[in-house]
PDB file of N, CA and C in Angstrom:
ATOM      1  N   UNK A   1       0.278   6.414  -2.648  1.00  0.00           N
ATOM      2  CA  UNK A   1      -0.509   6.721  -3.805  1.00  0.00           C
ATOM      3  C   UNK A   1      -0.455   5.575  -4.822  1.00  0.00           C
ATOM      4  N   UNK A   2       0.689   4.913  -4.898  1.00  0.00           N
ATOM      5  CA  UNK A   2       0.849   3.858  -5.904  1.00  0.00           C
ATOM      6  C   UNK A   2      -0.144   2.722  -5.721  1.00  0.00           C
ATOM      7  N   UNK A   3      -0.292   2.248  -4.506  1.00  0.00           N
ATOM      8  CA  UNK A   3      -1.254   1.152  -4.290  1.00  0.00           C
ATOM      9  C   UNK A   3      -2.687   1.630  -4.498  1.00  0.00           C
ATOM     10  N   UNK A   4      -2.993   2.867  -4.115  1.00  0.00           N
ATOM     11  CA  UNK A   4      -4.359   3.352  -4.373  1.00  0.00           C
ATOM     12  C   UNK A   4      -4.588   3.548  -5.875  1.00  0.00           C
ATOM     13  N   UNK A   5      -3.580   3.977  -6.584  1.00  0.00           N
ATOM     14  CA  UNK A   5      -3.676   4.048  -8.039  1.00  0.00           C
ATOM     15  C   UNK A   5      -3.988   2.678  -8.636  1.00  0.00           C
ATOM     16  N   UNK A   6      -3.266   1.665  -8.169  1.00  0.00           N
ATOM     17  CA  UNK A   6      -3.480   0.313  -8.671  1.00  0.00           C
ATOM     18  C   UNK A   6      -4.879  -0.185  -8.341  1.00  0.00           C
ATOM     19  N   UNK A   7      -5.382   0.136  -7.144  1.00  0.00           N
ATOM     20  CA  UNK A   7      -6.743  -0.253  -6.765  1.00  0.00           C
ATOM     21  C   UNK A   7      -7.759   0.413  -7.687  1.00  0.00           C
ATOM     22  N   UNK A   8      -7.595   1.711  -7.938  1.00  0.00           N
ATOM     23  CA  UNK A   8      -8.547   2.393  -8.806  1.00  0.00           C
ATOM     24  C   UNK A   8      -8.515   1.853 -10.227  1.00  0.00           C
ATOM     25  N   UNK A   9      -7.338   1.491 -10.704  1.00  0.00           N
ATOM     26  CA  UNK A   9      -7.239   0.992 -12.063  1.00  0.00           C
ATOM     27  C   UNK A   9      -7.754  -0.432 -12.229  1.00  0.00           C
ATOM     28  N   UNK A  10      -7.582  -1.277 -11.181  1.00  0.00           N
ATOM     29  CA  UNK A  10      -7.921  -2.690 -11.309  1.00  0.00           C
ATOM     30  C   UNK A  10      -9.161  -3.100 -10.512  1.00  0.00           C
ATOM     31  N   UNK A  11      -9.457  -2.362  -9.456  1.00  0.00           N
ATOM     32  CA  UNK A  11     -10.527  -2.754  -8.551  1.00  0.00           C
ATOM     33  C   UNK A  11     -10.126  -3.898  -7.640  1.00  0.00           C
ATOM     34  N   UNK A  12      -8.855  -4.315  -7.668  1.00  0.00           N
ATOM     35  CA  UNK A  12      -8.416  -5.421  -6.825  1.00  0.00           C
ATOM     36  C   UNK A  12      -8.233  -4.949  -5.390  1.00  0.00           C
ATOM     37  N   UNK A  13      -8.933  -5.609  -4.459  1.00  0.00           N
ATOM     38  CA  UNK A  13      -8.923  -5.199  -3.071  1.00  0.00           C
ATOM     39  C   UNK A  13      -7.560  -5.365  -2.408  1.00  0.00           C
ATOM     40  N   UNK A  14      -6.673  -6.207  -2.956  1.00  0.00           N
ATOM     41  CA  UNK A  14      -5.356  -6.376  -2.367  1.00  0.00           C
ATOM     42  C   UNK A  14      -4.581  -5.091  -2.420  1.00  0.00           C
ATOM     43  N   UNK A  15      -4.796  -4.257  -3.446  1.00  0.00           N
ATOM     44  CA  UNK A  15      -4.116  -2.954  -3.532  1.00  0.00           C
ATOM     45  C   UNK A  15      -4.721  -1.967  -2.534  1.00  0.00           C
ATOM     46  N   UNK A  16      -6.011  -1.973  -2.353  1.00  0.00           N
ATOM     47  CA  UNK A  16      -6.626  -1.109  -1.349  1.00  0.00           C
ATOM     48  C   UNK A  16      -6.142  -1.505   0.036  1.00  0.00           C
ATOM     49  N   UNK A  17      -6.060  -2.817   0.285  1.00  0.00           N
ATOM     50  CA  UNK A  17      -5.581  -3.297   1.585  1.00  0.00           C
ATOM     51  C   UNK A  17      -4.134  -2.850   1.836  1.00  0.00           C
ATOM     52  N   UNK A  18      -3.288  -2.915   0.819  1.00  0.00           N
ATOM     53  CA  UNK A  18      -1.894  -2.484   0.953  1.00  0.00           C
ATOM     54  C   UNK A  18      -1.835  -0.997   1.278  1.00  0.00           C
ATOM     55  N   UNK A  19      -2.652  -0.188   0.596  1.00  0.00           N
ATOM     56  CA  UNK A  19      -2.691   1.259   0.856  1.00  0.00           C
ATOM     57  C   UNK A  19      -3.160   1.532   2.297  1.00  0.00           C
ATOM     58  N   UNK A  20      -4.164   0.797   2.761  1.00  0.00           N
ATOM     59  CA  UNK A  20      -4.641   0.941   4.123  1.00  0.00           C
ATOM     60  C   UNK A  20      -3.558   0.548   5.143  1.00  0.00           C
ATOM     61  N   UNK A  21      -2.838  -0.501   4.858  1.00  0.00           N
ATOM     62  CA  UNK A  21      -1.747  -0.944   5.778  1.00  0.00           C
ATOM     63  C   UNK A  21      -0.667   0.098   5.873  1.00  0.00           C
ATOM     64  N   UNK A  22      -0.319   0.706   4.752  1.00  0.00           N
ATOM     65  CA  UNK A  22       0.710   1.754   4.759  1.00  0.00           C
ATOM     66  C   UNK A  22       0.213   2.959   5.540  1.00  0.00           C
ATOM     67  N   UNK A  23      -1.066   3.344   5.316  1.00  0.00           N
ATOM     68  CA  UNK A  23      -1.619   4.482   6.040  1.00  0.00           C
ATOM     69  C   UNK A  23      -1.631   4.211   7.538  1.00  0.00           C
ATOM     70  N   UNK A  24      -1.987   2.986   7.937  1.00  0.00           N
ATOM     71  CA  UNK A  24      -1.981   2.632   9.372  1.00  0.00           C
ATOM     72  C   UNK A  24      -0.550   2.779   9.945  1.00  0.00           C
ATOM     73  N   UNK A  25       0.450   2.331   9.197  1.00  0.00           N
ATOM     74  CA  UNK A  25       1.810   2.469   9.668  1.00  0.00           C
ATOM     75  C   UNK A  25       2.209   3.906   9.821  1.00  0.00           C
ATOM     76  N   UNK A  26       1.839   4.740   8.847  1.00  0.00           N
ATOM     77  CA  UNK A  26       2.141   6.168   8.913  1.00  0.00           C
ATOM     78  C   UNK A  26       1.504   6.778  10.142  1.00  0.00           C
ATOM     79  N   UNK A  27       0.208   6.495  10.372  1.00  0.00           N
ATOM     80  CA  UNK A  27      -0.464   7.067  11.534  1.00  0.00           C
ATOM     81  C   UNK A  27       0.165   6.619  12.843  1.00  0.00           C
ATOM     82  N   UNK A  28       0.558   5.370  12.919  1.00  0.00           N
ATOM     83  CA  UNK A  28       1.053   4.810  14.186  1.00  0.00           C
ATOM     84  C   UNK A  28       2.537   5.117  14.447  1.00  0.00           C
ATOM     85  N   UNK A  29       3.346   5.249  13.398  1.00  0.00           N
ATOM     86  CA  UNK A  29       4.772   5.334  13.588  1.00  0.00           C
ATOM     87  C   UNK A  29       5.480   6.536  12.951  1.00  0.00           C
ATOM     88  N   UNK A  30       4.914   7.134  11.934  1.00  0.00           N
ATOM     89  CA  UNK A  30       5.603   8.156  11.166  1.00  0.00           C
ATOM     90  C   UNK A  30       5.088   9.549  11.540  1.00  0.00           C
ATOM     91  N   UNK A  31       3.784   9.687  11.710  1.00  0.00           N
ATOM     92  CA  UNK A  31       3.188  10.995  12.016  1.00  0.00           C
ATOM     93  C   UNK A  31       3.557  11.423  13.407  1.00  0.00           C
ATOM     94  N   UNK A  32       4.105  12.595  13.554  1.00  0.00           N
ATOM     95  CA  UNK A  32       4.500  13.182  14.819  1.00  0.00           C
ATOM     96  C   UNK A  32       3.227  13.787  15.455  1.00  0.00           C
ATOM     97  N   UNK A  33       2.764  13.229  16.550  1.00  0.00           N
ATOM     98  CA  UNK A  33       1.505  13.655  17.125  1.00  0.00           C
ATOM     99  C   UNK A  33       1.619  14.917  17.995  1.00  0.00           C
ATOM    100  N   UNK A  34       2.834  15.428  18.161  1.00  0.00           N
ATOM    101  CA  UNK A  34       3.012  16.642  18.947  1.00  0.00           C
ATOM    102  C   UNK A  34       2.366  17.829  18.214  1.00  0.00           C
ATOM    103  N   UNK A  35       1.892  18.805  18.976  1.00  0.00           N
ATOM    104  CA  UNK A  35       1.274  19.985  18.349  1.00  0.00           C
ATOM    105  C   UNK A  35       2.249  20.598  17.346  1.00  0.00           C
ATOM    106  N   UNK A  36       1.759  20.842  16.140  1.00  0.00           N
ATOM    107  CA  UNK A  36       2.621  21.375  15.069  1.00  0.00           C
ATOM    108  C   UNK A  36       3.545  20.337  14.470  1.00  0.00           C
ATOM    109  N   UNK A  37       3.339  19.094  14.842  1.00  0.00           N
ATOM    110  CA  UNK A  37       4.224  18.007  14.378  1.00  0.00           C
ATOM    111  C   UNK A  37       4.103  17.757  12.865  1.00  0.00           C
ATOM    112  N   UNK A  38       5.044  17.096  12.338  1.00  0.00           N
ATOM    113  CA  UNK A  38       5.168  16.748  10.923  1.00  0.00           C
ATOM    114  C   UNK A  38       5.298  15.231  10.863  1.00  0.00           C
ATOM    115  N   UNK A  39       5.797  14.732   9.769  1.00  0.00           N
ATOM    116  CA  UNK A  39       6.080  13.294   9.686  1.00  0.00           C
ATOM    117  C   UNK A  39       7.577  13.131   9.930  1.00  0.00           C
ATOM    118  N   UNK A  40       7.924  12.120  10.721  1.00  0.00           N
ATOM    119  CA  UNK A  40       9.329  11.819  10.936  1.00  0.00           C
ATOM    120  C   UNK A  40       9.956  11.354   9.616  1.00  0.00           C
ATOM    121  N   UNK A  41      11.245  11.563   9.483  1.00  0.00           N
ATOM    122  CA  UNK A  41      11.960  11.202   8.272  1.00  0.00           C
ATOM    123  C   UNK A  41      11.849   9.711   7.971  1.00  0.00           C
ATOM    124  N   UNK A  42      12.075   8.894   8.995  1.00  0.00           N
ATOM    125  CA  UNK A  42      12.008   7.440   8.809  1.00  0.00           C
ATOM    126  C   UNK A  42      11.902   6.766  10.187  1.00  0.00           C
ATOM    127  N   UNK A  43      11.760   5.495  10.160  1.00  0.00           N
ATOM    128  CA  UNK A  43      11.716   4.690  11.390  1.00  0.00           C
ATOM    129  C   UNK A  43      12.786   3.604  11.313  1.00  0.00           C
ATOM    130  N   UNK A  44      13.083   3.015  12.473  1.00  0.00           N
ATOM    131  CA  UNK A  44      13.964   1.863  12.463  1.00  0.00           C
ATOM    132  C   UNK A  44      13.129   0.640  12.157  1.00  0.00           C
ATOM    133  N   UNK A  45      13.735  -0.552  12.195  1.00  0.00           N
ATOM    134  CA  UNK A  45      13.031  -1.803  11.842  1.00  0.00           C
ATOM    135  C   UNK A  45      11.839  -2.078  12.736  1.00  0.00           C
ATOM    136  N   UNK A  46      11.874  -1.537  13.957  1.00  0.00           N
ATOM    137  CA  UNK A  46      10.785  -1.806  14.888  1.00  0.00           C
ATOM    138  C   UNK A  46       9.643  -0.768  14.783  1.00  0.00           C
ATOM    139  N   UNK A  47       9.823   0.222  13.934  1.00  0.00           N
ATOM    140  CA  UNK A  47       8.805   1.267  13.776  1.00  0.00           C
ATOM    141  C   UNK A  47       9.051   2.493  14.609  1.00  0.00           C
ATOM    142  N   UNK A  48      10.152   2.528  15.358  1.00  0.00           N
ATOM    143  CA  UNK A  48      10.432   3.694  16.181  1.00  0.00           C
ATOM    144  C   UNK A  48      11.074   4.790  15.356  1.00  0.00           C
ATOM    145  N   UNK A  49      10.560   6.041  15.466  1.00  0.00           N
ATOM    146  CA  UNK A  49      11.120   7.154  14.656  1.00  0.00           C
ATOM    147  C   UNK A  49      12.629   7.311  14.943  1.00  0.00           C
ATOM    148  N   UNK A  50      13.384   7.555  13.891  1.00  0.00           N
ATOM    149  CA  UNK A  50      14.827   7.814  14.027  1.00  0.00           C
ATOM    150  C   UNK A  50      14.996   9.310  14.242  1.00  0.00           C
ATOM    151  N   UNK A  51      15.058   9.716  15.496  1.00  0.00           N
ATOM    152  CA  UNK A  51      15.058  11.115  15.867  1.00  0.00           C
ATOM    153  C   UNK A  51      16.311  11.867  15.469  1.00  0.00           C
ATOM    154  N   UNK A  52      17.387  11.165  15.115  1.00  0.00           N
ATOM    155  CA  UNK A  52      18.589  11.841  14.712  1.00  0.00           C
ATOM    156  C   UNK A  52      18.489  12.438  13.312  1.00  0.00           C
ATOM    157  N   UNK A  53      17.474  12.016  12.549  1.00  0.00           N
ATOM    158  CA  UNK A  53      17.228  12.567  11.237  1.00  0.00           C
ATOM    159  C   UNK A  53      16.406  13.836  11.336  1.00  0.00           C
ATOM    160  N   UNK A  54      16.670  14.828  10.506  1.00  0.00           N
ATOM    161  CA  UNK A  54      15.853  16.070  10.579  1.00  0.00           C
ATOM    162  C   UNK A  54      14.423  15.787  10.123  1.00  0.00           C
ATOM    163  N   UNK A  55      13.468  16.511  10.708  1.00  0.00           N
ATOM    164  CA  UNK A  55      12.078  16.352  10.287  1.00  0.00           C
ATOM    165  C   UNK A  55      11.839  17.024   8.945  1.00  0.00           C
ATOM    166  N   UNK A  56      12.460  18.143   8.744  1.00  0.00           N
ATOM    167  CA  UNK A  56      12.327  18.878   7.463  1.00  0.00           C
ATOM    168  C   UNK A  56      13.723  19.226   6.990  1.00  0.00           C
ATOM    169  N   UNK A  57      13.981  19.011   5.706  1.00  0.00           N
ATOM    170  CA  UNK A  57      15.236  19.370   5.088  1.00  0.00           C
ATOM    171  C   UNK A  57      14.992  19.487   3.586  1.00  0.00           C
ATOM    172  N   UNK A  58      15.982  19.832   2.791  1.00  0.00           N
ATOM    173  CA  UNK A  58      15.715  20.068   1.363  1.00  0.00           C
ATOM    174  C   UNK A  58      15.066  18.921   0.606  1.00  0.00           C
ATOM    175  N   UNK A  59      15.303  17.663   1.007  1.00  0.00           N
ATOM    176  CA  UNK A  59      14.717  16.530   0.289  1.00  0.00           C
ATOM    177  C   UNK A  59      13.447  15.994   0.930  1.00  0.00           C
ATOM    178  N   UNK A  60      13.052  16.565   2.030  1.00  0.00           N
ATOM    179  CA  UNK A  60      11.801  16.136   2.705  1.00  0.00           C
ATOM    180  C   UNK A  60      11.149  17.346   3.293  1.00  0.00           C
ATOM    181  N   UNK A  61       9.957  17.636   2.829  1.00  0.00           N
ATOM    182  CA  UNK A  61       9.211  18.775   3.337  1.00  0.00           C
ATOM    183  C   UNK A  61       7.750  18.419   3.478  1.00  0.00           C
ATOM    184  N   UNK A  62       6.948  19.193   4.173  1.00  0.00           N
ATOM    185  CA  UNK A  62       5.537  18.867   4.387  1.00  0.00           C
ATOM    186  C   UNK A  62       4.699  18.853   3.097  1.00  0.00           C
ATOM    187  N   UNK A  63       5.214  19.437   2.035  1.00  0.00           N
ATOM    188  CA  UNK A  63       4.428  19.539   0.775  1.00  0.00           C
ATOM    189  C   UNK A  63       3.946  18.142   0.323  1.00  0.00           C
ATOM    190  N   UNK A  64       4.857  17.184   0.214  1.00  0.00           N
ATOM    191  CA  UNK A  64       4.503  15.900  -0.352  1.00  0.00           C
ATOM    192  C   UNK A  64       3.527  15.122   0.526  1.00  0.00           C
ATOM    193  N   UNK A  65       3.739  15.175   1.828  1.00  0.00           N
ATOM    194  CA  UNK A  65       2.820  14.500   2.756  1.00  0.00           C
ATOM    195  C   UNK A  65       1.394  15.091   2.640  1.00  0.00           C
ATOM    196  N   UNK A  66       1.317  16.408   2.697  1.00  0.00           N
ATOM    197  CA  UNK A  66       0.025  17.067   2.605  1.00  0.00           C
ATOM    198  C   UNK A  66      -0.626  16.830   1.252  1.00  0.00           C
ATOM    199  N   UNK A  67       0.162  16.895   0.211  1.00  0.00           N
ATOM    200  CA  UNK A  67      -0.373  16.712  -1.142  1.00  0.00           C
ATOM    201  C   UNK A  67      -0.962  15.313  -1.312  1.00  0.00           C
ATOM    202  N   UNK A  68      -0.280  14.316  -0.757  1.00  0.00           N
ATOM    203  CA  UNK A  68      -0.813  12.956  -0.794  1.00  0.00           C
ATOM    204  C   UNK A  68      -2.124  12.866  -0.073  1.00  0.00           C
ATOM    205  N   UNK A  69      -2.188  13.454   1.113  1.00  0.00           N
ATOM    206  CA  UNK A  69      -3.444  13.409   1.892  1.00  0.00           C
ATOM    207  C   UNK A  69      -4.570  14.086   1.157  1.00  0.00           C
ATOM    208  N   UNK A  70      -4.322  15.250   0.593  1.00  0.00           N
ATOM    209  CA  UNK A  70      -5.350  15.975  -0.146  1.00  0.00           C
ATOM    210  C   UNK A  70      -5.804  15.180  -1.385  1.00  0.00           C
ATOM    211  N   UNK A  71      -4.864  14.553  -2.058  1.00  0.00           N
ATOM    212  CA  UNK A  71      -5.225  13.760  -3.250  1.00  0.00           C
ATOM    213  C   UNK A  71      -6.084  12.553  -2.883  1.00  0.00           C
ATOM    214  N   UNK A  72      -5.725  11.871  -1.813  1.00  0.00           N
ATOM    215  CA  UNK A  72      -6.579  10.737  -1.386  1.00  0.00           C
ATOM    216  C   UNK A  72      -7.956  11.211  -0.960  1.00  0.00           C
ATOM    217  N   UNK A  73      -8.005  12.336  -0.267  1.00  0.00           N
ATOM    218  CA  UNK A  73      -9.326  12.892   0.130  1.00  0.00           C
ATOM    219  C   UNK A  73     -10.140  13.217  -1.115  1.00  0.00           C
ATOM    220  N   UNK A  74      -9.540  13.837  -2.092  1.00  0.00           N
ATOM    221  CA  UNK A  74     -10.236  14.205  -3.301  1.00  0.00           C
ATOM    222  C   UNK A  74     -10.773  12.991  -4.052  1.00  0.00           C
ATOM    223  N   UNK A  75      -9.941  11.987  -4.189  1.00  0.00           N
ATOM    224  CA  UNK A  75     -10.337  10.781  -4.925  1.00  0.00           C
ATOM    225  C   UNK A  75     -11.408  10.005  -4.201  1.00  0.00           C
ATOM    226  N   UNK A  76     -11.256   9.813  -2.912  1.00  0.00           N
ATOM    227  CA  UNK A  76     -12.204   8.984  -2.200  1.00  0.00           C
ATOM    228  C   UNK A  76     -13.551   9.700  -2.013  1.00  0.00           C
ATOM    229  N   UNK A  77     -13.512  10.997  -1.838  1.00  0.00           N
ATOM    230  CA  UNK A  77     -14.771  11.753  -1.744  1.00  0.00           C
ATOM    231  C   UNK A  77     -15.526  11.692  -3.032  1.00  0.00           C
ATOM    232  N   UNK A  78     -14.799  11.789  -4.134  1.00  0.00           N
ATOM    233  CA  UNK A  78     -15.431  11.728  -5.457  1.00  0.00           C
ATOM    234  C   UNK A  78     -16.070  10.367  -5.686  1.00  0.00           C
ATOM    235  N   UNK A  79     -15.515   9.325  -5.145  1.00  0.00           N
ATOM    236  CA  UNK A  79     -16.017   7.973  -5.355  1.00  0.00           C
ATOM    237  C   UNK A  79     -16.937   7.516  -4.241  1.00  0.00           C
ATOM    238  N   UNK A  80     -17.267   8.390  -3.305  1.00  0.00           N
ATOM    239  CA  UNK A  80     -18.186   8.042  -2.233  1.00  0.00           C
ATOM    240  C   UNK A  80     -17.605   7.096  -1.194  1.00  0.00           C
ATOM    241  N   UNK A  81     -16.294   7.071  -1.066  1.00  0.00           N
ATOM    242  CA  UNK A  81     -15.640   6.206  -0.113  1.00  0.00           C
ATOM    243  C   UNK A  81     -15.115   7.098   0.998  1.00  0.00           C
ATOM    244  N   UNK A  82     -14.744   6.484   2.122  1.00  0.00           N
ATOM    245  CA  UNK A  82     -13.961   7.207   3.078  1.00  0.00           C
ATOM    246  C   UNK A  82     -12.520   7.112   2.606  1.00  0.00           C
ATOM    247  N   UNK A  83     -11.631   7.893   3.134  1.00  0.00           N
ATOM    248  CA  UNK A  83     -10.252   7.957   2.643  1.00  0.00           C
ATOM    249  C   UNK A  83      -9.502   6.659   2.893  1.00  0.00           C
ATOM    250  N   UNK A  84     -10.045   5.790   3.709  1.00  0.00           N
ATOM    251  CA  UNK A  84      -9.380   4.513   3.982  1.00  0.00           C
ATOM    252  C   UNK A  84     -10.235   3.315   3.624  1.00  0.00           C
ATOM    253  N   UNK A  85     -11.193   3.497   2.722  1.00  0.00           N
ATOM    254  CA  UNK A  85     -12.032   2.396   2.333  1.00  0.00           C
ATOM    255  C   UNK A  85     -13.070   2.005   3.372  1.00  0.00           C
ATOM    256  N   UNK A  86     -13.311   2.877   4.324  1.00  0.00           N
ATOM    257  CA  UNK A  86     -14.331   2.604   5.358  1.00  0.00           C
ATOM    258  C   UNK A  86     -13.777   1.989   6.615  1.00  0.00           C
ATOM    259  N   UNK A  87     -12.489   1.753   6.683  1.00  0.00           N
ATOM    260  CA  UNK A  87     -11.905   1.043   7.804  1.00  0.00           C
ATOM    261  C   UNK A  87     -11.843   1.854   9.077  1.00  0.00           C
ATOM    262  N   UNK A  88     -11.671   3.185   8.956  1.00  0.00           N
ATOM    263  CA  UNK A  88     -11.498   4.005  10.158  1.00  0.00           C
ATOM    264  C   UNK A  88     -12.620   4.995  10.383  1.00  0.00           C
ATOM    265  N   UNK A  89     -13.637   4.978   9.607  1.00  0.00           N
ATOM    266  CA  UNK A  89     -14.777   5.838   9.873  1.00  0.00           C
ATOM    267  C   UNK A  89     -14.749   7.164   9.121  1.00  0.00           C
ATOM    268  N   UNK A  90     -13.884   7.324   8.177  1.00  0.00           N
ATOM    269  CA  UNK A  90     -13.976   8.486   7.321  1.00  0.00           C
ATOM    270  C   UNK A  90     -12.735   9.343   7.313  1.00  0.00           C
ATOM    271  N   UNK A  91     -12.728  10.248   6.335  1.00  0.00           N
ATOM    272  CA  UNK A  91     -11.582  11.111   6.090  1.00  0.00           C
ATOM    273  C   UNK A  91     -11.234  11.979   7.269  1.00  0.00           C
ATOM    274  N   UNK A  92     -12.209  12.581   7.912  1.00  0.00           N
ATOM    275  CA  UNK A  92     -11.884  13.525   8.993  1.00  0.00           C
ATOM    276  C   UNK A  92     -11.189  12.819  10.141  1.00  0.00           C
ATOM    277  N   UNK A  93     -11.539  11.548  10.423  1.00  0.00           N
ATOM    278  CA  UNK A  93     -10.844  10.840  11.482  1.00  0.00           C
ATOM    279  C   UNK A  93      -9.388  10.484  11.090  1.00  0.00           C
ATOM    280  N   UNK A  94      -9.180  10.176   9.819  1.00  0.00           N
ATOM    281  CA  UNK A  94      -7.855   9.816   9.364  1.00  0.00           C
ATOM    282  C   UNK A  94      -6.910  10.958   9.382  1.00  0.00           C
ATOM    283  N   UNK A  95      -7.362  12.072   8.814  1.00  0.00           N
ATOM    284  CA  UNK A  95      -6.455  13.205   8.665  1.00  0.00           C
ATOM    285  C   UNK A  95      -6.705  14.162   9.778  1.00  0.00           C
TER     286      UNK A  95
END
């Protein structure tokens, strides 16, 4: 959200690009693609999920991940953009 906030405030594409890069990393390495999956707690330096960490615990729950996705969808829809600035073909493909 921070980089997207900066992009909205300044219009500088470097912030949008950073937000897109983070989203790409999340989709490729953090999001658990198994049915009913969540986001992994973290990854190692190579991007591999650290499976010894719990997926959900008191300091990490699905609320924040989902809230971020809904907020990006709300903001980009309002501004006529796709949720990723047009890079992946729209919000429905991303989320």
